[in-house]
C-alpha cells in the first residue's frame, strides 16, 4: 500500500509541476524507484495469496490530492511532503525488519534495500529545502500523522 500511495503522491506533484525544474526531475526519479518497489511487493503478494488493502481506492485519490496540493504550495512543500512520508516509511520498514528477523531472508533483503532508497529520498528532500516550506512543522506533522494512520489502517483492512 505504501508504494502505491507514494506513486500517487508523486503523480499528483508531477501533474502540477510538470517536468520542469530540479524538484520535478528528482520527483520523477523517486517515482521510478517506487515503481520498482511496488512491482516487487505486487509479485510477493500474488505469490503468497495476500490481497491489497481495501483502502487502495482511497489511497489512489488521497495520494494524488496530497501530491497536487503540496506541489501547488511550491517545490519546498513538495519536498516537505517527501521528507515527511519517507521519515514514516523508514520507521515502518525498521519495524517490519525487526518483526521479520531471520524468518524471510528474501523479503528482509528487499525491505532493507528499499529502506535505503527511502532514506535517500528523505535526505534529498531535506537537502532540497523541505524545511523552508510554508508552515513546515505543521505540514510535516500532519503528513506524518496521516502516514501513521494509513499504515495502521492498511495493516488491519
Protein backbone atom coordinates (compact mmCIF):
# COMPACT_ATOMS: atom_id res chain seq x y z
CA UNK A 1 0.00 0.00 0.00
CA UNK A 2 2.84 2.38 0.80
CA UNK A 3 4.46 2.23 -2.61
CA UNK A 4 1.08 2.71 -4.26
CA UNK A 5 0.46 5.79 -2.11
CA UNK A 6 3.91 7.21 -2.85
CA UNK A 7 3.45 6.70 -6.59
CA UNK A 8 0.12 8.54 -6.40
CA UNK A 9 1.66 11.40 -4.37
CA UNK A 10 4.40 11.80 -6.96
CA UNK A 11 1.84 11.64 -9.79
CA UNK A 12 -0.09 14.48 -8.16
CA UNK A 13 3.06 16.52 -7.71
CA UNK A 14 4.17 16.00 -11.30
CA UNK A 15 0.68 16.84 -12.60
CA UNK A 16 1.05 20.28 -11.00
CA UNK A 17 4.79 20.83 -11.51
CA UNK A 18 5.16 19.35 -14.96
CA UNK A 19 8.60 18.12 -15.88
CA UNK A 20 10.41 21.39 -15.32
CA UNK A 21 12.99 22.17 -12.72
CA UNK A 22 15.19 20.18 -10.41
CA UNK A 23 12.38 19.27 -7.99
CA UNK A 24 10.29 17.72 -10.77
CA UNK A 25 13.28 15.75 -12.06
CA UNK A 26 14.05 14.46 -8.57
CA UNK A 27 10.41 13.51 -8.01
CA UNK A 28 10.28 11.64 -11.33
CA UNK A 29 13.38 9.66 -10.31
CA UNK A 30 11.94 8.83 -6.90
CA UNK A 31 8.68 7.74 -8.55
CA UNK A 32 10.64 5.29 -10.74
CA UNK A 33 12.21 3.74 -7.65
CA UNK A 34 8.78 3.43 -6.02
CA UNK A 35 7.51 1.65 -9.14
CA UNK A 36 10.31 -0.90 -8.72
CA UNK A 37 9.39 -1.38 -5.06
CA UNK A 38 5.72 -1.76 -5.93
CA UNK A 39 6.45 -4.35 -8.62
CA UNK A 40 8.36 -6.45 -6.09
CA UNK A 41 5.63 -6.25 -3.44
CA UNK A 42 2.89 -6.92 -6.00
CA UNK A 43 4.75 -10.07 -7.06
CA UNK A 44 5.25 -11.18 -3.46
CA UNK A 45 1.59 -10.58 -2.64
CA UNK A 46 0.45 -12.61 -5.66
CA UNK A 47 2.83 -15.47 -4.82
CA UNK A 48 1.68 -15.54 -1.18
CA UNK A 49 -2.02 -15.03 -1.82
CA UNK A 50 -2.17 -11.69 0.01
CA UNK A 51 -4.78 -9.20 -1.12
CA UNK A 52 -4.17 -5.44 -1.29
CA UNK A 53 -5.70 -3.23 1.37
CA UNK A 54 -9.37 -2.43 0.98
CA UNK A 55 -8.41 1.23 1.19
CA UNK A 56 -6.44 1.23 -2.07
CA UNK A 57 -9.14 3.25 -3.90
CA UNK A 58 -8.92 5.87 -1.14
CA UNK A 59 -5.10 5.95 -1.33
CA UNK A 60 -5.45 6.42 -5.11
CA UNK A 61 -7.37 9.67 -4.64
CA UNK A 62 -5.85 10.87 -1.37
CA UNK A 63 -2.27 10.30 -2.53
CA UNK A 64 -2.80 12.23 -5.75
CA UNK A 65 -4.56 15.05 -3.88
CA UNK A 66 -1.78 15.30 -1.29
CA UNK A 67 0.81 15.46 -4.05
CA UNK A 68 -1.09 18.08 -6.03
CA UNK A 69 -1.72 20.30 -3.01
CA UNK A 70 1.87 20.19 -1.79
CA UNK A 71 3.21 20.88 -5.28
CA UNK A 72 0.81 23.82 -5.64
CA UNK A 73 2.36 25.26 -2.47
CA UNK A 74 5.77 25.16 -4.18
CA UNK A 75 8.78 22.90 -4.62
CA UNK A 76 9.78 23.19 -0.96
CA UNK A 77 6.34 21.96 0.14
CA UNK A 78 6.55 19.08 -2.33
CA UNK A 79 9.91 18.17 -0.80
CA UNK A 80 8.45 18.58 2.71
CA UNK A 81 5.82 16.01 1.76
CA UNK A 82 8.51 13.59 0.60
CA UNK A 83 10.60 14.13 3.74
CA UNK A 84 7.59 13.54 6.00
CA UNK A 85 6.37 10.44 4.17
CA UNK A 86 9.82 8.88 3.93
CA UNK A 87 10.51 9.52 7.63
CA UNK A 88 7.46 7.42 8.48
CA UNK A 89 8.26 4.76 5.88
CA UNK A 90 11.80 4.45 7.25
CA UNK A 91 10.32 3.85 10.72
CA UNK A 92 7.77 1.38 9.31
CA UNK A 93 10.45 -0.58 7.44
CA UNK A 94 12.60 -0.75 10.60
CA UNK A 95 9.63 -2.21 12.47
CA UNK A 96 8.99 -4.72 9.68
CA UNK A 97 12.63 -5.83 9.63
CA UNK A 98 12.63 -6.31 13.41
CA UNK A 99 9.40 -8.31 13.19
CA UNK A 100 10.69 -10.50 10.35
CA UNK A 101 14.01 -11.27 11.97
CA UNK A 102 15.59 -14.15 10.05
CA UNK A 103 12.27 -15.73 9.05
CA UNK A 104 12.16 -14.49 5.43
CA UNK A 105 15.59 -13.61 4.01
CA UNK A 106 14.29 -12.61 0.55
CA UNK A 107 11.70 -10.21 1.93
CA UNK A 108 14.10 -8.84 4.56
CA UNK A 109 16.75 -8.14 1.93
CA UNK A 110 14.25 -6.35 -0.29
CA UNK A 111 12.91 -4.25 2.58
CA UNK A 112 16.44 -3.27 3.63
CA UNK A 113 17.23 -2.28 0.03
CA UNK A 114 14.02 -0.30 -0.32
CA UNK A 115 14.55 1.34 3.07
CA UNK A 116 17.90 2.67 1.84
CA UNK A 117 16.10 4.21 -1.15
CA UNK A 118 13.50 5.82 1.13
CA UNK A 119 16.19 7.30 3.38
CA UNK A 120 17.90 8.66 0.27
CA UNK A 121 14.60 10.24 -0.83
CA UNK A 122 14.14 11.84 2.60
CA UNK A 123 17.69 13.14 2.71
CA UNK A 124 17.42 14.55 -0.81
CA UNK A 125 14.14 16.28 0.08
CA UNK A 126 15.70 17.87 3.16
CA UNK A 127 18.75 18.99 1.18
CA UNK A 128 16.41 20.46 -1.47
CA UNK A 129 14.77 22.81 1.04
CA UNK A 130 11.90 20.84 2.58
CA UNK A 131 12.30 22.69 5.86
CA UNK A 132 11.80 26.01 4.03
CA UNK A 133 8.23 25.08 3.09
CA UNK A 134 5.45 27.31 4.40
CA UNK A 135 4.44 26.20 7.90
CA UNK A 136 6.88 23.29 7.66
CA UNK A 137 6.40 21.93 11.21
CA UNK A 138 2.62 21.84 10.82
CA UNK A 139 2.71 20.49 7.25
CA UNK A 140 5.25 17.81 8.13
CA UNK A 141 3.43 16.83 11.32
CA UNK A 142 0.08 16.44 9.56
CA UNK A 143 1.56 14.40 6.73
CA UNK A 144 3.44 12.15 9.15
CA UNK A 145 0.27 11.62 11.19
CA UNK A 146 -1.63 10.77 8.02
CA UNK A 147 1.04 8.23 7.10
CA UNK A 148 0.88 6.57 10.51
CA UNK A 149 -2.91 6.33 10.26
CA UNK A 150 -2.67 4.93 6.71
CA UNK A 151 -0.11 2.31 7.78
CA UNK A 152 -2.17 1.22 10.78
CA UNK A 153 -5.34 1.06 8.69
CA UNK A 154 -3.71 -0.89 5.84
CA UNK A 155 -2.44 -3.49 8.33
CA UNK A 156 -5.97 -4.18 9.51
CA UNK A 157 -8.05 -3.92 6.35
